Amino acid sequence: MKRLFRDYCKPYTGVFLASALCILLSSVFSMLVPQTMRFAIDSVLDGKASFLDSLKGTFSNIQLLTLLALAAVVFALLNMVFSFLFKYLVSLGSEGVIKDMRDGLYRHIAALPYSYFGRIETGELVQKCTLDV
């Protein structure tokens, strides 16, 4: 198992770590959207005390609602961007691992002695290369 990780997954460690960071950021931004709506409802519409009290003297309620709605849209867009990046990076890393494994298999087959190919049937070799990979 260590050899598998060392040979195939280690070159893509950075890609997988970046994808983990992206899913973490995507989760944070997905949680910020309902929180923004909660602040809009509780602070602006109901008048409960919150960190928006300092802005109430500067902006009207309509302006605060507009700002909070824009913030929710920005958070939703950032959620989508980081979710896309997560999926892209995971597929990039996993497809790279698969390609490296296939290349290793084909290098191994190419390095086999000629006598091996005389003993084995072509269909069996093709089956090993297609089904096993």
C-alpha atoms as a PDB file:
ATOM      1  CA  MET A   1       0.000   0.000   0.000  1.00  0.00           C
ATOM      2  CA  LYS A   2       2.886   2.357   0.783  1.00  0.00           C
ATOM      3  CA  ARG A   3       4.382   1.637  -2.625  1.00  0.00           C
ATOM      4  CA  LEU A   4       1.080   2.379  -4.290  1.00  0.00           C
ATOM      5  CA  PHE A   5       0.837   5.737  -2.559  1.00  0.00           C
ATOM      6  CA  ARG A   6       4.494   6.579  -3.094  1.00  0.00           C
ATOM      7  CA  ASP A   7       4.564   5.669  -6.764  1.00  0.00           C
ATOM      8  CA  TYR A   8       1.187   6.846  -7.939  1.00  0.00           C
ATOM      9  CA  CYS A   9      -0.480   9.250  -5.498  1.00  0.00           C
ATOM     10  CA  LYS A  10       2.459  11.230  -4.146  1.00  0.00           C
ATOM     11  CA  PRO A  11       3.004  13.274  -7.344  1.00  0.00           C
ATOM     12  CA  TYR A  12      -0.585  14.502  -7.022  1.00  0.00           C
ATOM     13  CA  THR A  13      -0.505  15.319  -3.305  1.00  0.00           C
ATOM     14  CA  GLY A  14      -0.614  19.064  -4.002  1.00  0.00           C
ATOM     15  CA  VAL A  15      -3.624  18.652  -6.272  1.00  0.00           C
ATOM     16  CA  PHE A  16      -5.478  16.631  -3.645  1.00  0.00           C
ATOM     17  CA  LEU A  17      -4.606  19.116  -0.888  1.00  0.00           C
ATOM     18  CA  ALA A  18      -5.825  21.997  -3.065  1.00  0.00           C
ATOM     19  CA  SER A  19      -9.075  20.106  -3.684  1.00  0.00           C
ATOM     20  CA  ALA A  20      -9.494  19.596   0.070  1.00  0.00           C
ATOM     21  CA  LEU A  21      -9.013  23.330   0.610  1.00  0.00           C
ATOM     22  CA  CYS A  22     -11.576  24.064  -2.107  1.00  0.00           C
ATOM     23  CA  ILE A  23     -14.222  21.811  -0.560  1.00  0.00           C
ATOM     24  CA  LEU A  24     -13.562  23.401   2.825  1.00  0.00           C
ATOM     25  CA  LEU A  25     -14.044  26.896   1.370  1.00  0.00           C
ATOM     26  CA  SER A  26     -17.110  25.735  -0.545  1.00  0.00           C
ATOM     27  CA  SER A  27     -18.629  24.456   2.696  1.00  0.00           C
ATOM     28  CA  VAL A  28     -17.889  27.720   4.494  1.00  0.00           C
ATOM     29  CA  PHE A  29     -19.497  29.818   1.763  1.00  0.00           C
ATOM     30  CA  SER A  30     -22.508  27.517   1.560  1.00  0.00           C
ATOM     31  CA  MET A  31     -23.076  28.073   5.292  1.00  0.00           C
ATOM     32  CA  LEU A  32     -22.705  31.847   4.926  1.00  0.00           C
ATOM     33  CA  VAL A  33     -25.662  32.167   2.534  1.00  0.00           C
ATOM     34  CA  PRO A  34     -28.374  31.216   5.071  1.00  0.00           C
ATOM     35  CA  GLN A  35     -26.557  33.161   7.788  1.00  0.00           C
ATOM     36  CA  THR A  36     -26.716  36.268   5.627  1.00  0.00           C
ATOM     37  CA  MET A  37     -30.438  35.751   5.174  1.00  0.00           C
ATOM     38  CA  ARG A  38     -30.804  35.244   8.914  1.00  0.00           C
ATOM     39  CA  PHE A  39     -29.061  38.558   9.559  1.00  0.00           C
ATOM     40  CA  ALA A  40     -31.300  40.252   7.004  1.00  0.00           C
ATOM     41  CA  ILE A  41     -34.456  38.941   8.626  1.00  0.00           C
ATOM     42  CA  ASP A  42     -33.435  39.285  12.272  1.00  0.00           C
ATOM     43  CA  SER A  43     -31.486  42.541  12.207  1.00  0.00           C
ATOM     44  CA  VAL A  44     -33.120  44.603   9.503  1.00  0.00           C
ATOM     45  CA  LEU A  45     -36.698  43.404   9.445  1.00  0.00           C
ATOM     46  CA  ASP A  46     -37.209  42.413  13.110  1.00  0.00           C
ATOM     47  CA  GLY A  47     -34.859  45.024  14.543  1.00  0.00           C
ATOM     48  CA  LYS A  48     -32.939  42.638  16.812  1.00  0.00           C
ATOM     49  CA  ALA A  49     -29.493  43.758  17.954  1.00  0.00           C
ATOM     50  CA  SER A  50     -26.565  42.581  15.849  1.00  0.00           C
ATOM     51  CA  PHE A  51     -23.328  43.745  14.310  1.00  0.00           C
ATOM     52  CA  LEU A  52     -25.399  45.629  11.705  1.00  0.00           C
ATOM     53  CA  ASP A  53     -26.518  48.197  14.293  1.00  0.00           C
ATOM     54  CA  SER A  54     -23.550  50.424  13.458  1.00  0.00           C
ATOM     55  CA  LEU A  55     -24.610  50.455   9.793  1.00  0.00           C
ATOM     56  CA  LYS A  56     -28.257  51.314  10.496  1.00  0.00           C
ATOM     57  CA  GLY A  57     -27.411  54.976  11.047  1.00  0.00           C
ATOM     58  CA  THR A  58     -25.545  55.155   7.726  1.00  0.00           C
ATOM     59  CA  PHE A  59     -27.843  53.102   5.496  1.00  0.00           C
ATOM     60  CA  SER A  60     -31.596  52.763   5.258  1.00  0.00           C
ATOM     61  CA  ASN A  61     -33.313  49.381   5.695  1.00  0.00           C
ATOM     62  CA  ILE A  62     -33.708  48.965   1.918  1.00  0.00           C
ATOM     63  CA  GLN A  63     -30.012  49.635   1.384  1.00  0.00           C
ATOM     64  CA  LEU A  64     -29.061  47.167   4.121  1.00  0.00           C
ATOM     65  CA  LEU A  65     -31.325  44.509   2.618  1.00  0.00           C
ATOM     66  CA  THR A  66     -29.791  45.163  -0.793  1.00  0.00           C
ATOM     67  CA  LEU A  67     -26.263  44.846   0.615  1.00  0.00           C
ATOM     68  CA  LEU A  68     -27.133  41.632   2.423  1.00  0.00           C
ATOM     69  CA  ALA A  69     -28.785  40.209  -0.696  1.00  0.00           C
ATOM     70  CA  LEU A  70     -25.683  41.043  -2.733  1.00  0.00           C
ATOM     71  CA  ALA A  71     -23.512  39.443  -0.063  1.00  0.00           C
ATOM     72  CA  ALA A  72     -25.653  36.288  -0.221  1.00  0.00           C
ATOM     73  CA  VAL A  73     -25.310  36.197  -4.017  1.00  0.00           C
ATOM     74  CA  VAL A  74     -21.531  36.647  -3.766  1.00  0.00           C
ATOM     75  CA  PHE A  75     -21.311  33.870  -1.160  1.00  0.00           C
ATOM     76  CA  ALA A  76     -23.402  31.576  -3.372  1.00  0.00           C
ATOM     77  CA  LEU A  77     -21.175  32.322  -6.382  1.00  0.00           C
ATOM     78  CA  LEU A  78     -18.034  31.652  -4.349  1.00  0.00           C
ATOM     79  CA  ASN A  79     -19.602  28.392  -3.162  1.00  0.00           C
ATOM     80  CA  MET A  80     -20.164  27.361  -6.780  1.00  0.00           C
ATOM     81  CA  VAL A  81     -16.647  28.372  -7.860  1.00  0.00           C
ATOM     82  CA  PHE A  82     -14.957  26.421  -5.076  1.00  0.00           C
ATOM     83  CA  SER A  83     -17.266  23.460  -5.611  1.00  0.00           C
ATOM     84  CA  PHE A  84     -16.327  23.437  -9.300  1.00  0.00           C
ATOM     85  CA  LEU A  85     -12.623  23.733  -8.464  1.00  0.00           C
ATOM     86  CA  PHE A  86     -12.935  20.840  -6.008  1.00  0.00           C
ATOM     87  CA  LYS A  87     -14.508  18.575  -8.626  1.00  0.00           C
ATOM     88  CA  TYR A  88     -12.004  19.665 -11.263  1.00  0.00           C
ATOM     89  CA  LEU A  89      -8.972  19.100  -9.044  1.00  0.00           C
ATOM     90  CA  VAL A  90     -10.173  15.725  -7.768  1.00  0.00           C
ATOM     91  CA  SER A  91     -10.793  14.517 -11.306  1.00  0.00           C
ATOM     92  CA  LEU A  92      -7.420  15.918 -12.434  1.00  0.00           C
ATOM     93  CA  GLY A  93      -5.603  14.073  -9.660  1.00  0.00           C
ATOM     94  CA  SER A  94      -7.504  10.814  -9.977  1.00  0.00           C
ATOM     95  CA  GLU A  95      -7.171  10.698 -13.758  1.00  0.00           C
ATOM     96  CA  GLY A  96      -3.453  11.405 -13.378  1.00  0.00           C
ATOM     97  CA  VAL A  97      -3.109   8.486 -10.959  1.00  0.00           C
ATOM     98  CA  ILE A  98      -4.996   6.227 -13.383  1.00  0.00           C
ATOM     99  CA  LYS A  99      -2.815   7.335 -16.301  1.00  0.00           C
ATOM    100  CA  ASP A 100       0.356   6.710 -14.327  1.00  0.00           C
ATOM    101  CA  MET A 101      -0.875   3.235 -13.336  1.00  0.00           C
ATOM    102  CA  ARG A 102      -1.680   2.368 -16.933  1.00  0.00           C
ATOM    103  CA  ASP A 103       1.653   3.692 -18.142  1.00  0.00           C
ATOM    104  CA  GLY A 104       3.410   1.563 -15.510  1.00  0.00           C
ATOM    105  CA  LEU A 105       1.508  -1.526 -16.626  1.00  0.00           C
ATOM    106  CA  TYR A 106       2.326  -0.946 -20.279  1.00  0.00           C
ATOM    107  CA  ARG A 107       6.019  -0.309 -19.448  1.00  0.00           C
ATOM    108  CA  HIS A 108       6.021  -3.588 -17.540  1.00  0.00           C
ATOM    109  CA  ILE A 109       4.454  -5.463 -20.456  1.00  0.00           C
ATOM    110  CA  ALA A 110       6.911  -3.906 -22.915  1.00  0.00           C
ATOM    111  CA  ALA A 111       9.835  -5.014 -20.715  1.00  0.00           C
ATOM    112  CA  LEU A 112       8.719  -8.659 -20.623  1.00  0.00           C
ATOM    113  CA  PRO A 113      10.923 -11.125 -22.532  1.00  0.00           C
ATOM    114  CA  TYR A 114       9.852 -12.369 -25.927  1.00  0.00           C
ATOM    115  CA  SER A 115       9.424 -15.907 -24.574  1.00  0.00           C
ATOM    116  CA  TYR A 116       6.551 -14.681 -22.371  1.00  0.00           C
ATOM    117  CA  PHE A 117       4.577 -13.582 -25.420  1.00  0.00           C
ATOM    118  CA  GLY A 118       5.184 -16.954 -27.057  1.00  0.00           C
ATOM    119  CA  ARG A 119       3.574 -18.754 -24.113  1.00  0.00           C
ATOM    120  CA  ILE A 120       0.561 -16.517 -23.576  1.00  0.00           C
ATOM    121  CA  GLU A 121      -2.379 -16.142 -25.900  1.00  0.00           C
ATOM    122  CA  THR A 122      -3.086 -12.699 -27.346  1.00  0.00           C
ATOM    123  CA  GLY A 123      -6.640 -12.643 -26.031  1.00  0.00           C
ATOM    124  CA  GLU A 124      -5.470 -13.330 -22.506  1.00  0.00           C
ATOM    125  CA  LEU A 125      -2.954 -10.495 -22.687  1.00  0.00           C
ATOM    126  CA  VAL A 126      -5.560  -8.099 -24.065  1.00  0.00           C
ATOM    127  CA  GLN A 127      -7.996  -9.162 -21.357  1.00  0.00           C
ATOM    128  CA  LYS A 128      -5.409  -8.508 -18.641  1.00  0.00           C
ATOM    129  CA  CYS A 129      -4.664  -5.057 -20.059  1.00  0.00           C
ATOM    130  CA  THR A 130      -8.278  -3.984 -20.474  1.00  0.00           C
ATOM    131  CA  LEU A 131     -10.193  -5.617 -17.657  1.00  0.00           C
ATOM    132  CA  ASP A 132      -7.547  -5.386 -14.961  1.00  0.00           C
ATOM    133  CA  VAL A 133      -6.867  -1.731 -15.652  1.00  0.00           C
END
